[in-house]
Amino acid sequence: IVDVVNLAEAREASQVGFARIAWEMLGTQGEVALAEDAVTV
C-alpha cells in the first residue's frame, strides 16, 4: 500500500499494489481517469 498525493502517483502505484490518496484530491474526475487504466476506487 502506497500513500500518494496526485493522480499520476495513484495511477503508477495501483499497477503494482494499492494506492491510498485523499478523496478530495482524487474526486470523481480522478476516479473516471483511473478507470481508463482498469483501476477502481
All heavy atoms as atom14 arrays in JSON, in Angstrom:
{
  "sequence": "IVDVVNLAEAREASQVGFARIAWEMLGTQGEVALAEDAVTV",
  "atom14_mask": [
    [1, 1, 1, 1, 1, 1, 1, 1, 0, 0, 0, 0, 0, 0],
    [1, 1, 1, 1, 1, 1, 1, 0, 0, 0, 0, 0, 0, 0],
    [1, 1, 1, 1, 1, 1, 1, 1, 0, 0, 0, 0, 0, 0],
    [1, 1, 1, 1, 1, 1, 1, 0, 0, 0, 0, 0, 0, 0],
    [1, 1, 1, 1, 1, 1, 1, 0, 0, 0, 0, 0, 0, 0],
    [1, 1, 1, 1, 1, 1, 1, 1, 0, 0, 0, 0, 0, 0],
    [1, 1, 1, 1, 1, 1, 1, 1, 0, 0, 0, 0, 0, 0],
    [1, 1, 1, 1, 1, 0, 0, 0, 0, 0, 0, 0, 0, 0],
    [1, 1, 1, 1, 1, 1, 1, 1, 1, 0, 0, 0, 0, 0],
    [1, 1, 1, 1, 1, 0, 0, 0, 0, 0, 0, 0, 0, 0],
    [1, 1, 1, 1, 1, 1, 1, 1, 1, 1, 1, 0, 0, 0],
    [1, 1, 1, 1, 1, 1, 1, 1, 1, 0, 0, 0, 0, 0],
    [1, 1, 1, 1, 1, 0, 0, 0, 0, 0, 0, 0, 0, 0],
    [1, 1, 1, 1, 1, 1, 0, 0, 0, 0, 0, 0, 0, 0],
    [1, 1, 1, 1, 1, 1, 1, 1, 1, 0, 0, 0, 0, 0],
    [1, 1, 1, 1, 1, 1, 1, 0, 0, 0, 0, 0, 0, 0],
    [1, 1, 1, 1, 0, 0, 0, 0, 0, 0, 0, 0, 0, 0],
    [1, 1, 1, 1, 1, 1, 1, 1, 1, 1, 1, 0, 0, 0],
    [1, 1, 1, 1, 1, 0, 0, 0, 0, 0, 0, 0, 0, 0],
    [1, 1, 1, 1, 1, 1, 1, 1, 1, 1, 1, 0, 0, 0],
    [1, 1, 1, 1, 1, 1, 1, 1, 0, 0, 0, 0, 0, 0],
    [1, 1, 1, 1, 1, 0, 0, 0, 0, 0, 0, 0, 0, 0],
    [1, 1, 1, 1, 1, 1, 1, 1, 1, 1, 1, 1, 1, 1],
    [1, 1, 1, 1, 1, 1, 1, 1, 1, 0, 0, 0, 0, 0],
    [1, 1, 1, 1, 1, 1, 1, 1, 0, 0, 0, 0, 0, 0],
    [1, 1, 1, 1, 1, 1, 1, 1, 0, 0, 0, 0, 0, 0],
    [1, 1, 1, 1, 0, 0, 0, 0, 0, 0, 0, 0, 0, 0],
    [1, 1, 1, 1, 1, 1, 1, 0, 0, 0, 0, 0, 0, 0],
    [1, 1, 1, 1, 1, 1, 1, 1, 1, 0, 0, 0, 0, 0],
    [1, 1, 1, 1, 0, 0, 0, 0, 0, 0, 0, 0, 0, 0],
    [1, 1, 1, 1, 1, 1, 1, 1, 1, 0, 0, 0, 0, 0],
    [1, 1, 1, 1, 1, 1, 1, 0, 0, 0, 0, 0, 0, 0],
    [1, 1, 1, 1, 1, 0, 0, 0, 0, 0, 0, 0, 0, 0],
    [1, 1, 1, 1, 1, 1, 1, 1, 0, 0, 0, 0, 0, 0],
    [1, 1, 1, 1, 1, 0, 0, 0, 0, 0, 0, 0, 0, 0],
    [1, 1, 1, 1, 1, 1, 1, 1, 1, 0, 0, 0, 0, 0],
    [1, 1, 1, 1, 1, 1, 1, 1, 0, 0, 0, 0, 0, 0],
    [1, 1, 1, 1, 1, 0, 0, 0, 0, 0, 0, 0, 0, 0],
    [1, 1, 1, 1, 1, 1, 1, 0, 0, 0, 0, 0, 0, 0],
    [1, 1, 1, 1, 1, 1, 1, 0, 0, 0, 0, 0, 0, 0],
    [1, 1, 1, 1, 1, 1, 1, 0, 0, 0, 0, 0, 0, 0]
  ],
  "atom14_positions": [
    [[0.85, -1.19, 0.0], [0.0, 0.0, 0.0], [0.89, 1.24, 0.0], [1.77, 1.37, 0.85], [-0.93, 0.02, 1.23], [-1.89, -1.18, 1.21], [-1.74, 1.32, 1.25], [-2.78, -1.27, 2.43], [0.0, 0.0, 0.0], [0.0, 0.0, 0.0], [0.0, 0.0, 0.0], [0.0, 0.0, 0.0], [0.0, 0.0, 0.0], [0.0, 0.0, 0.0]],
    [[0.66, 2.12, -0.97], [1.5, 3.31, -1.11], [0.63, 4.56, -0.96], [-0.41, 4.68, -1.61], [2.2, 3.34, -2.49], [3.05, 4.6, -2.63], [3.06, 2.09, -2.67], [0.0, 0.0, 0.0], [0.0, 0.0, 0.0], [0.0, 0.0, 0.0], [0.0, 0.0, 0.0], [0.0, 0.0, 0.0], [0.0, 0.0, 0.0], [0.0, 0.0, 0.0]],
    [[1.05, 5.47, -0.11], [0.36, 6.75, 0.03], [0.83, 7.69, -1.07], [2.04, 7.88, -1.26], [0.64, 7.36, 1.41], [-0.05, 6.61, 2.52], [-1.29, 6.49, 2.47], [0.64, 6.11, 3.44], [0.0, 0.0, 0.0], [0.0, 0.0, 0.0], [0.0, 0.0, 0.0], [0.0, 0.0, 0.0], [0.0, 0.0, 0.0], [0.0, 0.0, 0.0]],
    [[-0.11, 8.26, -1.79], [0.21, 9.13, -2.92], [-0.54, 10.44, -2.78], [-1.49, 10.55, -2.0], [-0.14, 8.44, -4.26], [0.65, 7.14, -4.42], [-1.64, 8.15, -4.36], [0.0, 0.0, 0.0], [0.0, 0.0, 0.0], [0.0, 0.0, 0.0], [0.0, 0.0, 0.0], [0.0, 0.0, 0.0], [0.0, 0.0, 0.0], [0.0, 0.0, 0.0]],
    [[-0.12, 11.44, -3.58], [-0.7, 12.78, -3.42], [-1.32, 13.32, -4.7], [-1.9, 14.4, -4.69], [0.36, 13.78, -2.9], [0.83, 13.39, -1.51], [1.53, 13.89, -3.87], [0.0, 0.0, 0.0], [0.0, 0.0, 0.0], [0.0, 0.0, 0.0], [0.0, 0.0, 0.0], [0.0, 0.0, 0.0], [0.0, 0.0, 0.0], [0.0, 0.0, 0.0]],
    [[-1.2, 12.6, -5.82], [-1.81, 13.1, -7.04], [-2.22, 11.94, -7.93], [-1.89, 10.77, -7.66], [-0.89, 14.07, -7.79], [0.46, 13.45, -8.12], [0.52, 12.34, -8.65], [1.54, 14.18, -7.83], [0.0, 0.0, 0.0], [0.0, 0.0, 0.0], [0.0, 0.0, 0.0], [0.0, 0.0, 0.0], [0.0, 0.0, 0.0], [0.0, 0.0, 0.0]],
    [[-2.91, 12.26, -9.01], [-3.46, 11.24, -9.91], [-2.36, 10.41, -10.55], [-2.48, 9.18, -10.66], [-4.31, 11.91, -10.98], [-4.94, 10.98, -12.03], [-5.88, 9.96, -11.38], [-5.7, 11.8, -13.08], [0.0, 0.0, 0.0], [0.0, 0.0, 0.0], [0.0, 0.0, 0.0], [0.0, 0.0, 0.0], [0.0, 0.0, 0.0], [0.0, 0.0, 0.0]],
    [[-1.28, 11.05, -10.98], [-0.2, 10.32, -11.65], [0.4, 9.28, -10.71], [0.66, 8.13, -11.11], [0.87, 11.3, -12.13], [0.0, 0.0, 0.0], [0.0, 0.0, 0.0], [0.0, 0.0, 0.0], [0.0, 0.0, 0.0], [0.0, 0.0, 0.0], [0.0, 0.0, 0.0], [0.0, 0.0, 0.0], [0.0, 0.0, 0.0], [0.0, 0.0, 0.0]],
    [[0.62, 9.66, -9.46], [1.18, 8.71, -8.49], [0.19, 7.59, -8.19], [0.58, 6.43, -8.02], [1.57, 9.44, -7.21], [2.78, 10.35, -7.35], [3.15, 11.0, -6.03], [2.45, 10.75, -5.01], [4.14, 11.76, -6.0], [0.0, 0.0, 0.0], [0.0, 0.0, 0.0], [0.0, 0.0, 0.0], [0.0, 0.0, 0.0], [0.0, 0.0, 0.0]],
    [[-1.08, 7.94, -8.12], [-2.11, 6.92, -7.87], [-2.15, 5.92, -9.01], [-2.26, 4.71, -8.8], [-3.48, 7.57, -7.7], [0.0, 0.0, 0.0], [0.0, 0.0, 0.0], [0.0, 0.0, 0.0], [0.0, 0.0, 0.0], [0.0, 0.0, 0.0], [0.0, 0.0, 0.0], [0.0, 0.0, 0.0], [0.0, 0.0, 0.0], [0.0, 0.0, 0.0]],
    [[-2.06, 6.41, -10.23], [-2.07, 5.54, -11.4], [-0.86, 4.59, -11.37], [-0.99, 3.39, -11.63], [-2.06, 6.38, -12.68], [-2.09, 5.56, -13.95], [-2.11, 6.45, -15.17], [-3.42, 7.02, -15.42], [-3.71, 8.31, -15.36], [-2.76, 9.18, -15.04], [-4.92, 8.75, -15.62], [0.0, 0.0, 0.0], [0.0, 0.0, 0.0], [0.0, 0.0, 0.0]],
    [[0.3, 5.11, -11.03], [1.52, 4.29, -11.01], [1.48, 3.25, -9.88], [1.76, 2.07, -10.09], [2.74, 5.19, -10.85], [4.07, 4.44, -10.81], [5.26, 5.36, -10.62], [5.06, 6.6, -10.56], [6.39, 4.84, -10.53], [0.0, 0.0, 0.0], [0.0, 0.0, 0.0], [0.0, 0.0, 0.0], [0.0, 0.0, 0.0], [0.0, 0.0, 0.0]],
    [[1.1, 3.69, -8.68], [1.11, 2.78, -7.53], [0.09, 1.67, -7.66], [0.33, 0.53, -7.23], [0.87, 3.57, -6.24], [0.0, 0.0, 0.0], [0.0, 0.0, 0.0], [0.0, 0.0, 0.0], [0.0, 0.0, 0.0], [0.0, 0.0, 0.0], [0.0, 0.0, 0.0], [0.0, 0.0, 0.0], [0.0, 0.0, 0.0], [0.0, 0.0, 0.0]],
    [[-1.05, 1.96, -8.27], [-2.12, 0.97, -8.37], [-1.85, -0.1, -9.44], [-2.62, -1.04, -9.57], [-3.46, 1.65, -8.65], [-3.4, 2.45, -9.8], [0.0, 0.0, 0.0], [0.0, 0.0, 0.0], [0.0, 0.0, 0.0], [0.0, 0.0, 0.0], [0.0, 0.0, 0.0], [0.0, 0.0, 0.0], [0.0, 0.0, 0.0], [0.0, 0.0, 0.0]],
    [[-0.76, 0.05, -10.17], [-0.38, -1.01, -11.11], [0.3, -2.17, -10.39], [0.34, -3.3, -10.91], [0.57, -0.46, -12.18], [0.0, 0.69, -13.01], [-1.31, 0.34, -13.7], [-1.42, -0.68, -14.37], [-2.31, 1.2, -13.51], [0.0, 0.0, 0.0], [0.0, 0.0, 0.0], [0.0, 0.0, 0.0], [0.0, 0.0, 0.0], [0.0, 0.0, 0.0]],
    [[0.84, -1.91, -9.21], [1.62, -2.95, -8.5], [1.15, -3.14, -7.06], [1.8, -3.85, -6.29], [3.12, -2.6, -8.51], [3.67, -2.69, -9.93], [3.37, -1.2, -7.92], [0.0, 0.0, 0.0], [0.0, 0.0, 0.0], [0.0, 0.0, 0.0], [0.0, 0.0, 0.0], [0.0, 0.0, 0.0], [0.0, 0.0, 0.0], [0.0, 0.0, 0.0]],
    [[0.03, -2.54, -6.69], [-0.46, -2.67, -5.33], [-1.65, -1.76, -5.13], [-2.39, -1.46, -6.07], [0.0, 0.0, 0.0], [0.0, 0.0, 0.0], [0.0, 0.0, 0.0], [0.0, 0.0, 0.0], [0.0, 0.0, 0.0], [0.0, 0.0, 0.0], [0.0, 0.0, 0.0], [0.0, 0.0, 0.0], [0.0, 0.0, 0.0], [0.0, 0.0, 0.0]],
    [[-1.86, -1.3, -3.9], [-2.95, -0.38, -3.59], [-2.38, 1.04, -3.46], [-1.34, 1.24, -2.82], [-3.62, -0.74, -2.26], [-4.47, -1.98, -2.31], [-4.5, -2.81, -3.42], [-5.23, -2.32, -1.2], [-5.28, -3.95, -3.44], [-6.03, -3.47, -1.21], [-6.05, -4.28, -2.33], [0.0, 0.0, 0.0], [0.0, 0.0, 0.0], [0.0, 0.0, 0.0]],
    [[-3.07, 1.98, -4.05], [-2.74, 3.39, -3.86], [-3.74, 3.99, -2.88], [-4.95, 3.74, -2.98], [-2.78, 4.14, -5.18], [0.0, 0.0, 0.0], [0.0, 0.0, 0.0], [0.0, 0.0, 0.0], [0.0, 0.0, 0.0], [0.0, 0.0, 0.0], [0.0, 0.0, 0.0], [0.0, 0.0, 0.0], [0.0, 0.0, 0.0], [0.0, 0.0, 0.0]],
    [[-3.24, 4.79, -1.95], [-4.11, 5.44, -0.96], [-3.94, 6.95, -1.13], [-2.83, 7.47, -1.01], [-3.73, 4.99, 0.45], [-4.64, 5.5, 1.54], [-4.42, 4.7, 2.83], [-3.02, 4.62, 3.19], [-2.5, 3.68, 4.02], [-3.31, 2.77, 4.56], [-1.21, 3.68, 4.3], [0.0, 0.0, 0.0], [0.0, 0.0, 0.0], [0.0, 0.0, 0.0]],
    [[-5.05, 7.63, -1.41], [-4.99, 9.06, -1.72], [-6.19, 9.77, -1.12], [-7.27, 9.17, -0.98], [-4.96, 9.26, -3.27], [-4.81, 10.74, -3.63], [-6.19, 8.65, -3.93], [-4.59, 10.98, -5.12], [0.0, 0.0, 0.0], [0.0, 0.0, 0.0], [0.0, 0.0, 0.0], [0.0, 0.0, 0.0], [0.0, 0.0, 0.0], [0.0, 0.0, 0.0]],
    [[-6.02, 11.03, -0.77], [-7.14, 11.81, -0.23], [-8.25, 11.88, -1.28], [-8.0, 12.22, -2.44], [-6.67, 13.21, 0.13], [0.0, 0.0, 0.0], [0.0, 0.0, 0.0], [0.0, 0.0, 0.0], [0.0, 0.0, 0.0], [0.0, 0.0, 0.0], [0.0, 0.0, 0.0], [0.0, 0.0, 0.0], [0.0, 0.0, 0.0], [0.0, 0.0, 0.0]],
    [[-9.48, 11.52, -0.88], [-10.6, 11.54, -1.81], [-10.84, 12.95, -2.36], [-11.19, 13.12, -3.53], [-11.84, 10.99, -1.12], [-13.09, 11.06, -1.93], [-14.26, 11.67, -1.58], [-13.33, 10.48, -3.22], [-15.2, 11.52, -2.56], [-14.66, 10.79, -3.58], [-12.55, 9.74, -4.11], [-15.23, 10.39, -4.78], [-13.12, 9.33, -5.31], [-14.43, 9.65, -5.65]],
    [[-10.63, 13.95, -1.55], [-10.8, 15.32, -2.01], [-9.8, 15.65, -3.12], [-10.08, 16.46, -4.0], [-10.63, 16.3, -0.83], [-11.73, 16.18, 0.22], [-11.48, 17.07, 1.42], [-10.39, 17.68, 1.48], [-12.37, 17.16, 2.28], [0.0, 0.0, 0.0], [0.0, 0.0, 0.0], [0.0, 0.0, 0.0], [0.0, 0.0, 0.0], [0.0, 0.0, 0.0]],
    [[-8.62, 15.02, -3.08], [-7.62, 15.25, -4.11], [-7.99, 14.51, -5.39], [-7.82, 15.02, -6.5], [-6.25, 14.78, -3.61], [-5.13, 14.86, -4.64], [-4.71, 16.56, -5.08], [-3.96, 17.1, -3.52], [0.0, 0.0, 0.0], [0.0, 0.0, 0.0], [0.0, 0.0, 0.0], [0.0, 0.0, 0.0], [0.0, 0.0, 0.0], [0.0, 0.0, 0.0]],
    [[-8.54, 13.3, -5.25], [-8.85, 12.48, -6.42], [-10.19, 12.9, -7.04], [-10.25, 13.29, -8.2], [-8.89, 11.0, -6.03], [-9.09, 10.01, -7.16], [-7.89, 10.0, -8.09], [-9.34, 8.61, -6.6], [0.0, 0.0, 0.0], [0.0, 0.0, 0.0], [0.0, 0.0, 0.0], [0.0, 0.0, 0.0], [0.0, 0.0, 0.0], [0.0, 0.0, 0.0]],
    [[-11.26, 12.78, -6.26], [-12.58, 13.17, -6.72], [-13.13, 12.28, -7.83], [-12.46, 11.35, -8.31], [0.0, 0.0, 0.0], [0.0, 0.0, 0.0], [0.0, 0.0, 0.0], [0.0, 0.0, 0.0], [0.0, 0.0, 0.0], [0.0, 0.0, 0.0], [0.0, 0.0, 0.0], [0.0, 0.0, 0.0], [0.0, 0.0, 0.0], [0.0, 0.0, 0.0]],
    [[-14.35, 12.6, -8.25], [-15.0, 11.76, -9.27], [-14.29, 11.86, -10.61], [-14.26, 10.88, -11.37], [-16.47, 12.18, -9.43], [-16.55, 13.58, -9.7], [-17.25, 11.88, -8.16], [0.0, 0.0, 0.0], [0.0, 0.0, 0.0], [0.0, 0.0, 0.0], [0.0, 0.0, 0.0], [0.0, 0.0, 0.0], [0.0, 0.0, 0.0], [0.0, 0.0, 0.0]],
    [[-13.68, 13.0, -10.92], [-12.96, 13.11, -12.18], [-11.74, 12.21, -12.18], [-11.43, 11.55, -13.18], [-12.56, 14.57, -12.45], [-13.74, 15.48, -12.79], [-13.29, 16.87, -13.17], [-12.23, 17.34, -12.73], [-14.08, 17.55, -13.99], [0.0, 0.0, 0.0], [0.0, 0.0, 0.0], [0.0, 0.0, 0.0], [0.0, 0.0, 0.0], [0.0, 0.0, 0.0]],
    [[-11.03, 12.19, -11.06], [-9.88, 11.3, -10.95], [-10.29, 9.84, -10.99], [-9.59, 9.0, -11.55], [0.0, 0.0, 0.0], [0.0, 0.0, 0.0], [0.0, 0.0, 0.0], [0.0, 0.0, 0.0], [0.0, 0.0, 0.0], [0.0, 0.0, 0.0], [0.0, 0.0, 0.0], [0.0, 0.0, 0.0], [0.0, 0.0, 0.0], [0.0, 0.0, 0.0]],
    [[-11.44, 9.54, -10.4], [-11.95, 8.17, -10.44], [-12.2, 7.73, -11.88], [-11.85, 6.61, -12.26], [-13.24, 8.09, -9.62], [-13.82, 6.7, -9.52], [-15.1, 6.66, -8.7], [-15.71, 7.72, -8.48], [-15.51, 5.55, -8.3], [0.0, 0.0, 0.0], [0.0, 0.0, 0.0], [0.0, 0.0, 0.0], [0.0, 0.0, 0.0], [0.0, 0.0, 0.0]],
    [[-12.79, 8.61, -12.67], [-13.04, 8.3, -14.08], [-11.73, 8.12, -14.83], [-11.58, 7.2, -15.65], [-13.9, 9.42, -14.73], [-13.98, 9.22, -16.24], [-15.28, 9.45, -14.12], [0.0, 0.0, 0.0], [0.0, 0.0, 0.0], [0.0, 0.0, 0.0], [0.0, 0.0, 0.0], [0.0, 0.0, 0.0], [0.0, 0.0, 0.0], [0.0, 0.0, 0.0]],
    [[-10.76, 8.96, -14.54], [-9.46, 8.86, -15.21], [-8.76, 7.55, -14.88], [-8.17, 6.91, -15.76], [-8.58, 10.05, -14.83], [0.0, 0.0, 0.0], [0.0, 0.0, 0.0], [0.0, 0.0, 0.0], [0.0, 0.0, 0.0], [0.0, 0.0, 0.0], [0.0, 0.0, 0.0], [0.0, 0.0, 0.0], [0.0, 0.0, 0.0], [0.0, 0.0, 0.0]],
    [[-8.81, 7.13, -13.63], [-8.18, 5.85, -13.25], [-8.86, 4.68, -13.93], [-8.2, 3.69, -14.26], [-8.24, 5.69, -11.73], [-7.31, 6.56, -10.89], [-7.55, 6.3, -9.4], [-5.85, 6.29, -11.23], [0.0, 0.0, 0.0], [0.0, 0.0, 0.0], [0.0, 0.0, 0.0], [0.0, 0.0, 0.0], [0.0, 0.0, 0.0], [0.0, 0.0, 0.0]],
    [[-10.17, 4.78, -14.12], [-10.91, 3.69, -14.75], [-10.41, 3.4, -16.16], [-10.54, 2.27, -16.65], [-12.4, 4.01, -14.77], [0.0, 0.0, 0.0], [0.0, 0.0, 0.0], [0.0, 0.0, 0.0], [0.0, 0.0, 0.0], [0.0, 0.0, 0.0], [0.0, 0.0, 0.0], [0.0, 0.0, 0.0], [0.0, 0.0, 0.0], [0.0, 0.0, 0.0]],
    [[-9.82, 4.4, -16.81], [-9.26, 4.19, -18.15], [-8.1, 3.2, -18.12], [-7.79, 2.57, -19.13], [-8.8, 5.53, -18.73], [-9.94, 6.52, -18.96], [-9.44, 7.88, -19.41], [-8.2, 8.05, -19.5], [-10.28, 8.76, -19.64], [0.0, 0.0, 0.0], [0.0, 0.0, 0.0], [0.0, 0.0, 0.0], [0.0, 0.0, 0.0], [0.0, 0.0, 0.0]],
    [[-7.47, 3.06, -16.96], [-6.39, 2.08, -16.77], [-6.85, 0.86, -16.0], [-6.04, 0.13, -15.42], [-5.22, 2.72, -16.02], [-4.53, 3.82, -16.83], [-4.47, 3.67, -18.07], [-4.07, 4.8, -16.23], [0.0, 0.0, 0.0], [0.0, 0.0, 0.0], [0.0, 0.0, 0.0], [0.0, 0.0, 0.0], [0.0, 0.0, 0.0], [0.0, 0.0, 0.0]],
    [[-8.18, 0.63, -15.97], [-8.78, -0.51, -15.27], [-8.49, -0.48, -13.77], [-8.37, -1.5, -13.12], [-8.29, -1.83, -15.87], [0.0, 0.0, 0.0], [0.0, 0.0, 0.0], [0.0, 0.0, 0.0], [0.0, 0.0, 0.0], [0.0, 0.0, 0.0], [0.0, 0.0, 0.0], [0.0, 0.0, 0.0], [0.0, 0.0, 0.0], [0.0, 0.0, 0.0]],
    [[-8.4, 0.73, -13.22], [-8.19, 0.93, -11.78], [-9.48, 1.51, -11.2], [-10.04, 2.44, -11.77], [-7.02, 1.87, -11.5], [-6.9, 2.17, -10.01], [-5.72, 1.26, -12.02], [0.0, 0.0, 0.0], [0.0, 0.0, 0.0], [0.0, 0.0, 0.0], [0.0, 0.0, 0.0], [0.0, 0.0, 0.0], [0.0, 0.0, 0.0], [0.0, 0.0, 0.0]],
    [[-9.94, 0.97, -10.09], [-11.16, 1.46, -9.45], [-10.88, 1.91, -8.03], [-9.92, 1.47, -7.4], [-12.26, 0.37, -9.42], [-11.73, -0.81, -8.8], [-12.73, 0.04, -10.82], [0.0, 0.0, 0.0], [0.0, 0.0, 0.0], [0.0, 0.0, 0.0], [0.0, 0.0, 0.0], [0.0, 0.0, 0.0], [0.0, 0.0, 0.0], [0.0, 0.0, 0.0]],
    [[-11.74, 2.79, -7.54], [-11.71, 3.15, -6.12], [-12.43, 2.05, -5.38], [-13.64, 1.89, -5.51], [-12.38, 4.52, -5.88], [-12.41, 4.83, -4.38], [-11.65, 5.62, -6.64], [0.0, 0.0, 0.0], [0.0, 0.0, 0.0], [0.0, 0.0, 0.0], [0.0, 0.0, 0.0], [0.0, 0.0, 0.0], [0.0, 0.0, 0.0], [0.0, 0.0, 0.0]]
  ]
}
